[in-house]
Amino acid sequence: MSAQNDTQAAFMEAMNGLKEYAKVNGGFITKDDVLSYFKDLDLDDGKLQMVYGYLMANNIKIKGAASEDNEFLKMMETAEAEEIQKQEAEETKQEEQAGAKQLEESLDYAEDEKYLQLYLEDLKQVDMLSDTSLAFLLMNIVEDNDKNSLELLSQSFLGKVTEWITPYRGKGVLACDLVQEGNLAMLSYIGQKQWANNYEWKDKIKEGNTQDLLEVLHGIEKEVRELVEGSLEMMIDEQKESNQVAGRVLGKVNLVNDWAKRLRNELERKPTIQEVADKMGISPEQVTEAIRLSAEAIEDIDYVKTMPQADTKADVPNKPVGKISFQ
């Protein structure tokens, strides 16, 4: 073990000495220089190639040794490229997460709650029917195709949808949007009478007793809830994916904007696109792309705006679908 340590120490001493020699020699050495420094270590050709590759990777040119033929150097360059890609991927991921979080935090949940409460107040105007009354509506719909009964049945689910959205709130989608999505899913099933495609239910509605009708009603409610919850989960997943894409864009814009502000403070004037690019170590095209993605909202860079500056108006949040009509 001691002999191995001595060999490693001798190897490092020779390598460091050779690097110092190359430094004072303008970054140039010869193969004979390498052999001279490592003469006591009896290196085979494979180990010599490793030494050549390591020195070349440190920007030392070796007369008579071609860098493109050195396998060790290729391995180091590949590893370095992979590490750079890994770092860039991690930076991109962090930008996405930061941007997505910023988008989620920008949601006005307080205003959303006001709209939801107004909607719930509107629902209080809807007459609440007992399960037995709702069950007999099924008979009117199936036997007489009664549109008023269908509307009443649909309205009976509006309050249930507002309850079903509870576990999905605060996950990046406003409650009013969840209610709207839930109502649309419910209407696609109730309003389109998809439940009537269940022939067992249809027979029970036509020929069964009150208990049979209640059983069908509860079965319909179960189906509607599963459909609504599936739609809400899909909506949240789609919003998360959208936020990741938007977050990536927002992350790039924020990064360029932060550097522009910092450089403006240093220069006491607006920096040019080229100056920001040089400071960030990226191309001017990437800075220009960030400006474009921001809709030219970055104000701390000196550039000629090309987009028309439209007046900005506050967005009005969507209220949930509340009115239902099948006339």
C-alpha atoms as a PDB file:
ATOM      1  CA  MET A   1       0.000   0.000   0.000  1.00  0.00           C
ATOM      2  CA  SER A   2       2.902   2.315   0.803  1.00  0.00           C
ATOM      3  CA  ALA A   3       4.509   1.599  -2.575  1.00  0.00           C
ATOM      4  CA  GLN A   4       1.246   2.469  -4.343  1.00  0.00           C
ATOM      5  CA  ASN A   5       1.014   5.757  -2.444  1.00  0.00           C
ATOM      6  CA  ASP A   6       4.622   6.545  -3.337  1.00  0.00           C
ATOM      7  CA  THR A   7       3.851   5.882  -7.034  1.00  0.00           C
ATOM      8  CA  GLN A   8       0.789   8.137  -6.958  1.00  0.00           C
ATOM      9  CA  ALA A   9       2.772  10.881  -5.240  1.00  0.00           C
ATOM     10  CA  ALA A  10       5.559  10.587  -7.822  1.00  0.00           C
ATOM     11  CA  PHE A  11       2.998  10.692 -10.640  1.00  0.00           C
ATOM     12  CA  MET A  12       1.365  13.872  -9.306  1.00  0.00           C
ATOM     13  CA  GLU A  13       4.757  15.488  -8.708  1.00  0.00           C
ATOM     14  CA  ALA A  14       5.805  14.754 -12.290  1.00  0.00           C
ATOM     15  CA  MET A  15       2.474  16.018 -13.683  1.00  0.00           C
ATOM     16  CA  ASN A  16       2.576  19.256 -11.686  1.00  0.00           C
ATOM     17  CA  GLY A  17       6.208  19.816 -12.637  1.00  0.00           C
ATOM     18  CA  LEU A  18       5.412  19.299 -16.311  1.00  0.00           C
ATOM     19  CA  LYS A  19       2.499  21.754 -16.126  1.00  0.00           C
ATOM     20  CA  GLU A  20       4.761  24.372 -14.557  1.00  0.00           C
ATOM     21  CA  TYR A  21       7.370  23.785 -17.262  1.00  0.00           C
ATOM     22  CA  ALA A  22       4.706  24.199 -19.972  1.00  0.00           C
ATOM     23  CA  LYS A  23       3.513  27.381 -18.329  1.00  0.00           C
ATOM     24  CA  VAL A  24       6.928  29.067 -18.559  1.00  0.00           C
ATOM     25  CA  ASN A  25       7.411  27.628 -22.049  1.00  0.00           C
ATOM     26  CA  GLY A  26       4.373  29.397 -23.514  1.00  0.00           C
ATOM     27  CA  GLY A  27       2.058  26.382 -23.200  1.00  0.00           C
ATOM     28  CA  PHE A  28       4.180  24.167 -25.480  1.00  0.00           C
ATOM     29  CA  ILE A  29       6.045  20.930 -24.695  1.00  0.00           C
ATOM     30  CA  THR A  30       7.288  17.896 -26.625  1.00  0.00           C
ATOM     31  CA  LYS A  31       6.770  14.161 -26.236  1.00  0.00           C
ATOM     32  CA  ASP A  32      10.390  13.946 -25.048  1.00  0.00           C
ATOM     33  CA  ASP A  33       9.551  16.405 -22.255  1.00  0.00           C
ATOM     34  CA  VAL A  34       6.756  14.099 -21.112  1.00  0.00           C
ATOM     35  CA  LEU A  35       9.012  11.032 -21.223  1.00  0.00           C
ATOM     36  CA  SER A  36      11.689  12.906 -19.312  1.00  0.00           C
ATOM     37  CA  TYR A  37       9.408  13.947 -16.475  1.00  0.00           C
ATOM     38  CA  PHE A  38       7.862  10.456 -16.177  1.00  0.00           C
ATOM     39  CA  LYS A  39      11.077   8.461 -16.834  1.00  0.00           C
ATOM     40  CA  ASP A  40      11.046   6.839 -13.387  1.00  0.00           C
ATOM     41  CA  LEU A  41       7.408   5.631 -13.600  1.00  0.00           C
ATOM     42  CA  ASP A  42       7.626   3.217 -16.538  1.00  0.00           C
ATOM     43  CA  LEU A  43       4.356   4.322 -18.180  1.00  0.00           C
ATOM     44  CA  ASP A  44       2.935   2.134 -20.947  1.00  0.00           C
ATOM     45  CA  ASP A  45       1.428   3.603 -24.099  1.00  0.00           C
ATOM     46  CA  GLY A  46      -2.106   3.676 -22.624  1.00  0.00           C
ATOM     47  CA  LYS A  47      -0.990   5.674 -19.601  1.00  0.00           C
ATOM     48  CA  LEU A  48       1.059   8.005 -21.776  1.00  0.00           C
ATOM     49  CA  GLN A  49      -2.027   8.706 -23.883  1.00  0.00           C
ATOM     50  CA  MET A  50      -3.869   9.531 -20.656  1.00  0.00           C
ATOM     51  CA  VAL A  51      -1.112  11.981 -19.683  1.00  0.00           C
ATOM     52  CA  TYR A  52      -1.185  13.560 -23.164  1.00  0.00           C
ATOM     53  CA  GLY A  53      -4.984  13.891 -22.998  1.00  0.00           C
ATOM     54  CA  TYR A  54      -4.929  15.447 -19.543  1.00  0.00           C
ATOM     55  CA  LEU A  55      -2.301  17.993 -20.579  1.00  0.00           C
ATOM     56  CA  MET A  56      -4.185  18.848 -23.772  1.00  0.00           C
ATOM     57  CA  ALA A  57      -7.373  19.306 -21.742  1.00  0.00           C
ATOM     58  CA  ASN A  58      -5.425  21.905 -19.737  1.00  0.00           C
ATOM     59  CA  ASN A  59      -4.634  23.809 -22.950  1.00  0.00           C
ATOM     60  CA  ILE A  60      -1.055  22.519 -23.219  1.00  0.00           C
ATOM     61  CA  LYS A  61       0.062  21.760 -26.770  1.00  0.00           C
ATOM     62  CA  ILE A  62       2.331  18.729 -27.287  1.00  0.00           C
ATOM     63  CA  LYS A  63       4.476  18.688 -30.390  1.00  0.00           C
ATOM     64  CA  GLY A  64       3.933  15.461 -32.310  1.00  0.00           C
ATOM     65  CA  ALA A  65       0.733  14.479 -30.442  1.00  0.00           C
ATOM     66  CA  ALA A  66      -2.570  15.013 -32.278  1.00  0.00           C
ATOM     67  CA  SER A  67      -5.478  15.944 -30.026  1.00  0.00           C
ATOM     68  CA  GLU A  68      -8.072  14.471 -32.387  1.00  0.00           C
ATOM     69  CA  ASP A  69      -6.495  11.018 -32.042  1.00  0.00           C
ATOM     70  CA  ASN A  70      -6.327  11.015 -28.244  1.00  0.00           C
ATOM     71  CA  GLU A  71      -9.089   8.789 -26.837  1.00  0.00           C
ATOM     72  CA  PHE A  72      -8.615  10.004 -23.267  1.00  0.00           C
ATOM     73  CA  LEU A  73      -9.075  13.611 -24.366  1.00  0.00           C
ATOM     74  CA  LYS A  74     -12.233  12.607 -26.239  1.00  0.00           C
ATOM     75  CA  MET A  75     -13.539  10.942 -23.089  1.00  0.00           C
ATOM     76  CA  MET A  76     -12.823  14.067 -21.032  1.00  0.00           C
ATOM     77  CA  GLU A  77     -14.466  16.332 -23.605  1.00  0.00           C
ATOM     78  CA  THR A  78     -17.519  14.057 -23.738  1.00  0.00           C
ATOM     79  CA  ALA A  79     -17.759  14.009 -19.950  1.00  0.00           C
ATOM     80  CA  GLU A  80     -17.424  17.784 -19.851  1.00  0.00           C
ATOM     81  CA  ALA A  81     -20.129  18.212 -22.513  1.00  0.00           C
ATOM     82  CA  GLU A  82     -22.430  15.875 -20.605  1.00  0.00           C
ATOM     83  CA  GLU A  83     -21.831  17.804 -17.402  1.00  0.00           C
ATOM     84  CA  ILE A  84     -22.628  21.081 -19.169  1.00  0.00           C
ATOM     85  CA  GLN A  85     -25.838  19.570 -20.561  1.00  0.00           C
ATOM     86  CA  LYS A  86     -26.733  18.318 -17.106  1.00  0.00           C
ATOM     87  CA  GLN A  87     -26.148  21.764 -15.589  1.00  0.00           C
ATOM     88  CA  GLU A  88     -28.158  23.450 -18.350  1.00  0.00           C
ATOM     89  CA  ALA A  89     -31.006  20.971 -17.852  1.00  0.00           C
ATOM     90  CA  GLU A  90     -30.965  21.636 -14.111  1.00  0.00           C
ATOM     91  CA  GLU A  91     -30.927  25.403 -14.683  1.00  0.00           C
ATOM     92  CA  THR A  92     -33.834  25.060 -17.128  1.00  0.00           C
ATOM     93  CA  LYS A  93     -35.753  22.983 -14.600  1.00  0.00           C
ATOM     94  CA  GLN A  94     -35.137  25.559 -11.888  1.00  0.00           C
ATOM     95  CA  GLU A  95     -36.245  28.344 -14.245  1.00  0.00           C
ATOM     96  CA  GLU A  96     -39.422  26.400 -15.070  1.00  0.00           C
ATOM     97  CA  GLN A  97     -40.205  25.765 -11.410  1.00  0.00           C
ATOM     98  CA  ALA A  98     -39.536  29.359 -10.396  1.00  0.00           C
ATOM     99  CA  GLY A  99     -41.623  30.711 -13.265  1.00  0.00           C
ATOM    100  CA  ALA A 100     -44.452  28.231 -12.650  1.00  0.00           C
ATOM    101  CA  LYS A 101     -44.481  29.130  -8.950  1.00  0.00           C
ATOM    102  CA  GLN A 102     -44.602  32.815  -9.829  1.00  0.00           C
ATOM    103  CA  LEU A 103     -47.580  32.185 -12.119  1.00  0.00           C
ATOM    104  CA  GLU A 104     -49.415  30.213  -9.438  1.00  0.00           C
ATOM    105  CA  GLU A 105     -48.729  32.889  -6.816  1.00  0.00           C
ATOM    106  CA  SER A 106     -50.074  35.547  -9.186  1.00  0.00           C
ATOM    107  CA  LEU A 107     -53.565  34.018  -9.044  1.00  0.00           C
ATOM    108  CA  ASP A 108     -55.983  36.252  -7.157  1.00  0.00           C
ATOM    109  CA  TYR A 109     -57.590  33.708  -4.840  1.00  0.00           C
ATOM    110  CA  ALA A 110     -59.253  36.452  -2.760  1.00  0.00           C
ATOM    111  CA  GLU A 111     -61.080  37.860  -5.792  1.00  0.00           C
ATOM    112  CA  ASP A 112     -61.865  34.325  -6.906  1.00  0.00           C
ATOM    113  CA  GLU A 113     -63.486  33.612  -3.533  1.00  0.00           C
ATOM    114  CA  LYS A 114     -65.740  36.663  -3.966  1.00  0.00           C
ATOM    115  CA  TYR A 115     -66.996  35.373  -7.320  1.00  0.00           C
ATOM    116  CA  LEU A 116     -67.537  31.930  -5.858  1.00  0.00           C
ATOM    117  CA  GLN A 117     -69.585  33.325  -2.960  1.00  0.00           C
ATOM    118  CA  LEU A 118     -71.712  35.338  -5.404  1.00  0.00           C
ATOM    119  CA  TYR A 119     -72.306  32.152  -7.387  1.00  0.00           C
ATOM    120  CA  LEU A 120     -73.266  30.246  -4.238  1.00  0.00           C
ATOM    121  CA  GLU A 121     -75.728  33.014  -3.393  1.00  0.00           C
ATOM    122  CA  ASP A 122     -77.259  32.618  -6.860  1.00  0.00           C
ATOM    123  CA  LEU A 123     -77.625  28.883  -6.278  1.00  0.00           C
ATOM    124  CA  LYS A 124     -79.726  29.565  -3.189  1.00  0.00           C
ATOM    125  CA  GLN A 125     -82.423  30.782  -5.581  1.00  0.00           C
ATOM    126  CA  VAL A 126     -82.631  27.298  -7.105  1.00  0.00           C
ATOM    127  CA  ASP A 127     -85.340  25.164  -5.488  1.00  0.00           C
ATOM    128  CA  MET A 128     -83.880  22.121  -3.752  1.00  0.00           C
ATOM    129  CA  LEU A 129     -85.789  18.922  -4.516  1.00  0.00           C
ATOM    130  CA  SER A 130     -85.762  15.784  -2.430  1.00  0.00           C
ATOM    131  CA  ASP A 131     -84.153  12.623  -3.764  1.00  0.00           C
ATOM    132  CA  THR A 132     -87.617  11.122  -4.248  1.00  0.00           C
ATOM    133  CA  SER A 133     -88.738  14.089  -6.339  1.00  0.00           C
ATOM    134  CA  LEU A 134     -85.546  13.886  -8.397  1.00  0.00           C
ATOM    135  CA  ALA A 135     -86.051  10.165  -8.884  1.00  0.00           C
ATOM    136  CA  PHE A 136     -89.498  10.742 -10.370  1.00  0.00           C
ATOM    137  CA  LEU A 137     -87.997  13.359 -12.710  1.00  0.00           C
ATOM    138  CA  LEU A 138     -86.130  10.456 -14.305  1.00  0.00           C
ATOM    139  CA  MET A 139     -89.454   8.868 -15.188  1.00  0.00           C
ATOM    140  CA  ASN A 140     -90.683  12.088 -16.833  1.00  0.00           C
ATOM    141  CA  ILE A 141     -87.471  12.378 -18.852  1.00  0.00           C
ATOM    142  CA  VAL A 142     -87.408   8.774 -20.070  1.00  0.00           C
ATOM    143  CA  GLU A 143     -91.126   8.330 -20.756  1.00  0.00           C
ATOM    144  CA  ASP A 144     -92.112  11.843 -21.894  1.00  0.00           C
ATOM    145  CA  ASN A 145     -88.762  13.407 -22.893  1.00  0.00           C
ATOM    146  CA  ASP A 146     -89.705  16.269 -20.568  1.00  0.00           C
ATOM    147  CA  LYS A 147     -87.162  19.109 -20.969  1.00  0.00           C
ATOM    148  CA  ASN A 148     -88.244  20.904 -17.815  1.00  0.00           C
ATOM    149  CA  SER A 149     -87.559  17.771 -15.758  1.00  0.00           C
ATOM    150  CA  LEU A 150     -84.159  17.465 -17.422  1.00  0.00           C
ATOM    151  CA  GLU A 151     -83.353  21.059 -16.510  1.00  0.00           C
ATOM    152  CA  LEU A 152     -84.413  20.525 -12.900  1.00  0.00           C
ATOM    153  CA  LEU A 153     -82.308  17.359 -12.678  1.00  0.00           C
ATOM    154  CA  SER A 154     -79.272  19.201 -14.032  1.00  0.00           C
ATOM    155  CA  GLN A 155     -79.747  22.125 -11.649  1.00  0.00           C
ATOM    156  CA  SER A 156     -79.841  19.720  -8.706  1.00  0.00           C
ATOM    157  CA  PHE A 157     -76.188  18.875  -9.407  1.00  0.00           C
ATOM    158  CA  LEU A 158     -74.899  22.467  -9.449  1.00  0.00           C
ATOM    159  CA  GLY A 159     -74.542  22.613  -5.665  1.00  0.00           C
ATOM    160  CA  LYS A 160     -72.908  19.178  -5.579  1.00  0.00           C
ATOM    161  CA  VAL A 161     -70.255  20.325  -8.078  1.00  0.00           C
ATOM    162  CA  THR A 162     -69.291  23.216  -5.768  1.00  0.00           C
ATOM    163  CA  GLU A 163     -68.715  20.628  -3.018  1.00  0.00           C
ATOM    164  CA  TRP A 164     -66.798  18.214  -5.244  1.00  0.00           C
ATOM    165  CA  ILE A 165     -64.225  20.844  -6.254  1.00  0.00           C
ATOM    166  CA  THR A 166     -63.052  21.315  -2.638  1.00  0.00           C
ATOM    167  CA  PRO A 167     -60.086  18.859  -2.750  1.00  0.00           C
ATOM    168  CA  TYR A 168     -58.871  20.459  -5.992  1.00  0.00           C
ATOM    169  CA  ARG A 169     -58.752  24.059  -4.818  1.00  0.00           C
ATOM    170  CA  GLY A 170     -55.448  25.884  -4.337  1.00  0.00           C
ATOM    171  CA  LYS A 171     -53.633  23.725  -6.880  1.00  0.00           C
ATOM    172  CA  GLY A 172     -52.990  26.374  -9.508  1.00  0.00           C
ATOM    173  CA  VAL A 173     -56.540  26.726 -10.854  1.00  0.00           C
ATOM    174  CA  LEU A 174     -59.132  29.215  -9.606  1.00  0.00           C
ATOM    175  CA  ALA A 175     -62.227  27.826  -7.915  1.00  0.00           C
ATOM    176  CA  CYS A 176     -64.514  29.540 -10.424  1.00  0.00           C
ATOM    177  CA  ASP A 177     -62.704  27.790 -13.267  1.00  0.00           C
ATOM    178  CA  LEU A 178     -62.997  24.483 -11.423  1.00  0.00           C
ATOM    179  CA  VAL A 179     -66.738  25.003 -10.992  1.00  0.00           C
ATOM    180  CA  GLN A 180     -67.114  25.882 -14.651  1.00  0.00           C
ATOM    181  CA  GLU A 181     -65.178  22.803 -15.742  1.00  0.00           C
ATOM    182  CA  GLY A 182     -67.163  20.619 -13.340  1.00  0.00           C
ATOM    183  CA  ASN A 183     -70.478  21.999 -14.570  1.00  0.00           C
ATOM    184  CA  LEU A 184     -69.550  21.388 -18.195  1.00  0.00           C
ATOM    185  CA  ALA A 185     -68.594  17.792 -17.397  1.00  0.00           C
ATOM    186  CA  MET A 186     -71.851  17.321 -15.490  1.00  0.00           C
ATOM    187  CA  LEU A 187     -73.945  18.816 -18.292  1.00  0.00           C
ATOM    188  CA  SER A 188     -72.271  16.603 -20.878  1.00  0.00           C
ATOM    189  CA  TYR A 189     -73.513  13.585 -18.922  1.00  0.00           C
ATOM    190  CA  ILE A 190     -76.891  14.768 -17.582  1.00  0.00           C
ATOM    191  CA  GLY A 191     -77.894  17.222 -20.299  1.00  0.00           C
ATOM    192  CA  GLN A 192     -76.898  14.867 -23.109  1.00  0.00           C
ATOM    193  CA  LYS A 193     -78.735  12.061 -21.301  1.00  0.00           C
ATOM    194  CA  GLN A 194     -75.753   9.713 -21.452  1.00  0.00           C
ATOM    195  CA  TRP A 195     -77.126   7.982 -18.376  1.00  0.00           C
ATOM    196  CA  ALA A 196     -80.126   6.861 -20.453  1.00  0.00           C
ATOM    197  CA  ASN A 197     -77.770   4.615 -22.458  1.00  0.00           C
ATOM    198  CA  ASN A 198     -77.690   2.273 -19.452  1.00  0.00           C
ATOM    199  CA  TYR A 199     -80.505  -0.094 -20.405  1.00  0.00           C
ATOM    200  CA  GLU A 200     -80.681  -1.651 -16.936  1.00  0.00           C
ATOM    201  CA  TRP A 201     -81.304   1.792 -15.466  1.00  0.00           C
ATOM    202  CA  LYS A 202     -83.795   2.559 -18.225  1.00  0.00           C
ATOM    203  CA  ASP A 203     -85.808  -0.585 -17.459  1.00  0.00           C
ATOM    204  CA  LYS A 204     -85.843   0.209 -13.743  1.00  0.00           C
ATOM    205  CA  ILE A 205     -87.069   3.756 -14.466  1.00  0.00           C
ATOM    206  CA  LYS A 206     -89.901   2.462 -16.673  1.00  0.00           C
ATOM    207  CA  GLU A 207     -90.953  -0.579 -14.680  1.00  0.00           C
ATOM    208  CA  GLY A 208     -89.431  -0.289 -11.192  1.00  0.00           C
ATOM    209  CA  ASN A 209     -90.718   1.040  -7.897  1.00  0.00           C
ATOM    210  CA  THR A 210     -89.605   4.096  -5.932  1.00  0.00           C
ATOM    211  CA  GLN A 211     -86.630   2.226  -4.454  1.00  0.00           C
ATOM    212  CA  ASP A 212     -85.482   1.265  -7.966  1.00  0.00           C
ATOM    213  CA  LEU A 213     -85.732   4.894  -9.059  1.00  0.00           C
ATOM    214  CA  LEU A 214     -83.654   6.042  -6.057  1.00  0.00           C
ATOM    215  CA  GLU A 215     -81.055   3.370  -6.830  1.00  0.00           C
ATOM    216  CA  VAL A 216     -80.740   4.672 -10.385  1.00  0.00           C
ATOM    217  CA  LEU A 217     -80.512   8.278  -9.141  1.00  0.00           C
ATOM    218  CA  HIS A 218     -77.663   7.387  -6.794  1.00  0.00           C
ATOM    219  CA  GLY A 219     -75.934   5.479  -9.586  1.00  0.00           C
ATOM    220  CA  ILE A 220     -76.187   8.537 -11.827  1.00  0.00           C
ATOM    221  CA  GLU A 221     -74.754  10.740  -9.074  1.00  0.00           C
ATOM    222  CA  LYS A 222     -71.787   8.384  -8.672  1.00  0.00           C
ATOM    223  CA  GLU A 223     -71.123   8.440 -12.424  1.00  0.00           C
ATOM    224  CA  VAL A 224     -71.389  12.232 -12.566  1.00  0.00           C
ATOM    225  CA  ARG A 225     -69.001  12.687  -9.639  1.00  0.00           C
ATOM    226  CA  GLU A 226     -66.388  10.386 -11.183  1.00  0.00           C
ATOM    227  CA  LEU A 227     -66.693  12.243 -14.496  1.00  0.00           C
ATOM    228  CA  VAL A 228     -66.391  15.652 -12.811  1.00  0.00           C
ATOM    229  CA  GLU A 229     -63.406  14.634 -10.696  1.00  0.00           C
ATOM    230  CA  GLY A 230     -61.664  13.154 -13.734  1.00  0.00           C
ATOM    231  CA  SER A 231     -62.198  16.423 -15.634  1.00  0.00           C
ATOM    232  CA  LEU A 232     -60.858  18.458 -12.707  1.00  0.00           C
ATOM    233  CA  GLU A 233     -57.739  16.295 -12.413  1.00  0.00           C
ATOM    234  CA  MET A 234     -57.115  16.617 -16.143  1.00  0.00           C
ATOM    235  CA  MET A 235     -57.621  20.377 -15.975  1.00  0.00           C
ATOM    236  CA  ILE A 236     -55.095  20.748 -13.147  1.00  0.00           C
ATOM    237  CA  ASP A 237     -52.553  18.519 -14.931  1.00  0.00           C
ATOM    238  CA  GLU A 238     -52.930  20.522 -18.142  1.00  0.00           C
ATOM    239  CA  GLN A 239     -52.530  23.764 -16.200  1.00  0.00           C
ATOM    240  CA  LYS A 240     -49.353  22.460 -14.563  1.00  0.00           C
ATOM    241  CA  GLU A 241     -47.917  21.550 -17.970  1.00  0.00           C
ATOM    242  CA  SER A 242     -48.899  24.942 -19.312  1.00  0.00           C
ATOM    243  CA  ASN A 243     -47.311  26.642 -16.298  1.00  0.00           C
ATOM    244  CA  GLN A 244     -44.068  24.724 -16.855  1.00  0.00           C
ATOM    245  CA  VAL A 245     -43.855  25.956 -20.450  1.00  0.00           C
ATOM    246  CA  ALA A 246     -44.834  29.473 -19.432  1.00  0.00           C
ATOM    247  CA  GLY A 247     -42.504  29.208 -16.445  1.00  0.00           C
ATOM    248  CA  ARG A 248     -39.571  28.407 -18.717  1.00  0.00           C
ATOM    249  CA  VAL A 249     -40.334  31.532 -20.741  1.00  0.00           C
ATOM    250  CA  LEU A 250     -40.874  33.620 -17.629  1.00  0.00           C
ATOM    251  CA  GLY A 251     -37.641  32.309 -16.112  1.00  0.00           C
ATOM    252  CA  LYS A 252     -35.634  33.388 -19.149  1.00  0.00           C
ATOM    253  CA  VAL A 253     -37.285  36.789 -19.189  1.00  0.00           C
ATOM    254  CA  ASN A 254     -36.733  37.318 -15.456  1.00  0.00           C
ATOM    255  CA  LEU A 255     -33.072  36.318 -15.705  1.00  0.00           C
ATOM    256  CA  VAL A 256     -32.356  38.771 -18.534  1.00  0.00           C
ATOM    257  CA  ASN A 257     -34.393  41.460 -16.797  1.00  0.00           C
ATOM    258  CA  ASP A 258     -32.460  41.011 -13.520  1.00  0.00           C
ATOM    259  CA  TRP A 259     -29.095  41.242 -15.285  1.00  0.00           C
ATOM    260  CA  ALA A 260     -30.254  44.304 -17.229  1.00  0.00           C
ATOM    261  CA  LYS A 261     -31.261  46.100 -14.019  1.00  0.00           C
ATOM    262  CA  ARG A 262     -27.961  45.191 -12.364  1.00  0.00           C
ATOM    263  CA  LEU A 263     -25.940  46.409 -15.349  1.00  0.00           C
ATOM    264  CA  ARG A 264     -27.967  49.596 -15.634  1.00  0.00           C
ATOM    265  CA  ASN A 265     -27.093  50.434 -12.034  1.00  0.00           C
ATOM    266  CA  GLU A 266     -23.407  49.768 -12.737  1.00  0.00           C
ATOM    267  CA  LEU A 267     -23.288  51.832 -15.952  1.00  0.00           C
ATOM    268  CA  GLU A 268     -25.801  54.478 -14.799  1.00  0.00           C
ATOM    269  CA  ARG A 269     -27.493  54.116 -18.187  1.00  0.00           C
ATOM    270  CA  LYS A 270     -29.415  51.490 -20.085  1.00  0.00           C
ATOM    271  CA  PRO A 271     -27.069  48.765 -21.381  1.00  0.00           C
ATOM    272  CA  THR A 272     -27.217  47.545 -24.947  1.00  0.00           C
ATOM    273  CA  ILE A 273     -28.277  44.043 -25.931  1.00  0.00           C
ATOM    274  CA  GLN A 274     -24.630  43.188 -26.628  1.00  0.00           C
ATOM    275  CA  GLU A 275     -23.509  44.432 -23.204  1.00  0.00           C
ATOM    276  CA  VAL A 276     -26.139  42.335 -21.424  1.00  0.00           C
ATOM    277  CA  ALA A 277     -25.182  39.306 -23.519  1.00  0.00           C
ATOM    278  CA  ASP A 278     -21.476  39.755 -22.717  1.00  0.00           C
ATOM    279  CA  LYS A 279     -22.195  40.101 -19.004  1.00  0.00           C
ATOM    280  CA  MET A 280     -24.400  36.976 -18.948  1.00  0.00           C
ATOM    281  CA  GLY A 281     -22.118  34.941 -21.184  1.00  0.00           C
ATOM    282  CA  ILE A 282     -24.852  34.270 -23.745  1.00  0.00           C
ATOM    283  CA  SER A 283     -25.464  35.352 -27.328  1.00  0.00           C
ATOM    284  CA  PRO A 284     -27.175  38.653 -28.251  1.00  0.00           C
ATOM    285  CA  GLU A 285     -29.820  36.551 -30.025  1.00  0.00           C
ATOM    286  CA  GLN A 286     -30.783  34.958 -26.696  1.00  0.00           C
ATOM    287  CA  VAL A 287     -31.196  38.373 -25.085  1.00  0.00           C
ATOM    288  CA  THR A 288     -33.296  39.516 -28.034  1.00  0.00           C
ATOM    289  CA  GLU A 289     -35.414  36.373 -27.711  1.00  0.00           C
ATOM    290  CA  ALA A 290     -36.064  37.132 -24.026  1.00  0.00           C
ATOM    291  CA  ILE A 291     -37.127  40.667 -24.964  1.00  0.00           C
ATOM    292  CA  ARG A 292     -39.492  39.256 -27.592  1.00  0.00           C
ATOM    293  CA  LEU A 293     -40.945  36.721 -25.154  1.00  0.00           C
ATOM    294  CA  SER A 294     -41.609  39.535 -22.678  1.00  0.00           C
ATOM    295  CA  ALA A 295     -43.611  41.355 -25.370  1.00  0.00           C
ATOM    296  CA  GLU A 296     -40.911  44.050 -25.113  1.00  0.00           C
ATOM    297  CA  ALA A 297     -41.778  44.712 -21.468  1.00  0.00           C
ATOM    298  CA  ILE A 298     -38.107  44.744 -20.387  1.00  0.00           C
ATOM    299  CA  GLU A 299     -37.409  48.429 -19.797  1.00  0.00           C
ATOM    300  CA  ASP A 300     -33.769  48.393 -18.628  1.00  0.00           C
ATOM    301  CA  ILE A 301     -32.152  47.582 -22.001  1.00  0.00           C
ATOM    302  CA  ASP A 302     -31.521  50.077 -24.779  1.00  0.00           C
ATOM    303  CA  TYR A 303     -33.249  48.683 -27.874  1.00  0.00           C
ATOM    304  CA  VAL A 304     -35.715  49.794 -30.537  1.00  0.00           C
ATOM    305  CA  LYS A 305     -39.221  48.528 -29.825  1.00  0.00           C
ATOM    306  CA  THR A 306     -41.031  47.018 -32.768  1.00  0.00           C
ATOM    307  CA  MET A 307     -44.335  45.924 -31.219  1.00  0.00           C
ATOM    308  CA  PRO A 308     -47.335  48.275 -30.987  1.00  0.00           C
ATOM    309  CA  GLN A 309     -47.899  49.279 -27.369  1.00  0.00           C
ATOM    310  CA  ALA A 310     -51.542  48.432 -26.656  1.00  0.00           C
ATOM    311  CA  ASP A 311     -53.460  49.709 -23.667  1.00  0.00           C
ATOM    312  CA  THR A 312     -53.570  47.137 -20.892  1.00  0.00           C
ATOM    313  CA  LYS A 313     -56.882  46.328 -19.275  1.00  0.00           C
ATOM    314  CA  ALA A 314     -57.528  44.214 -16.240  1.00  0.00           C
ATOM    315  CA  ASP A 315     -58.802  40.747 -17.047  1.00  0.00           C
ATOM    316  CA  VAL A 316     -62.234  39.934 -15.689  1.00  0.00           C
ATOM    317  CA  PRO A 317     -62.316  36.463 -14.108  1.00  0.00           C
ATOM    318  CA  ASN A 318     -64.836  34.042 -15.569  1.00  0.00           C
ATOM    319  CA  LYS A 319     -67.862  33.279 -13.442  1.00  0.00           C
ATOM    320  CA  PRO A 320     -69.022  29.682 -13.244  1.00  0.00           C
ATOM    321  CA  VAL A 321     -71.682  28.362 -15.576  1.00  0.00           C
ATOM    322  CA  GLY A 322     -74.868  28.762 -13.576  1.00  0.00           C
ATOM    323  CA  LYS A 323     -77.804  29.252 -15.913  1.00  0.00           C
ATOM    324  CA  ILE A 324     -79.034  26.069 -17.534  1.00  0.00           C
ATOM    325  CA  SER A 325     -81.669  25.828 -20.222  1.00  0.00           C
ATOM    326  CA  PHE A 326     -82.743  23.051 -22.571  1.00  0.00           C
ATOM    327  CA  GLN A 327     -85.526  24.940 -24.328  1.00  0.00           C
END
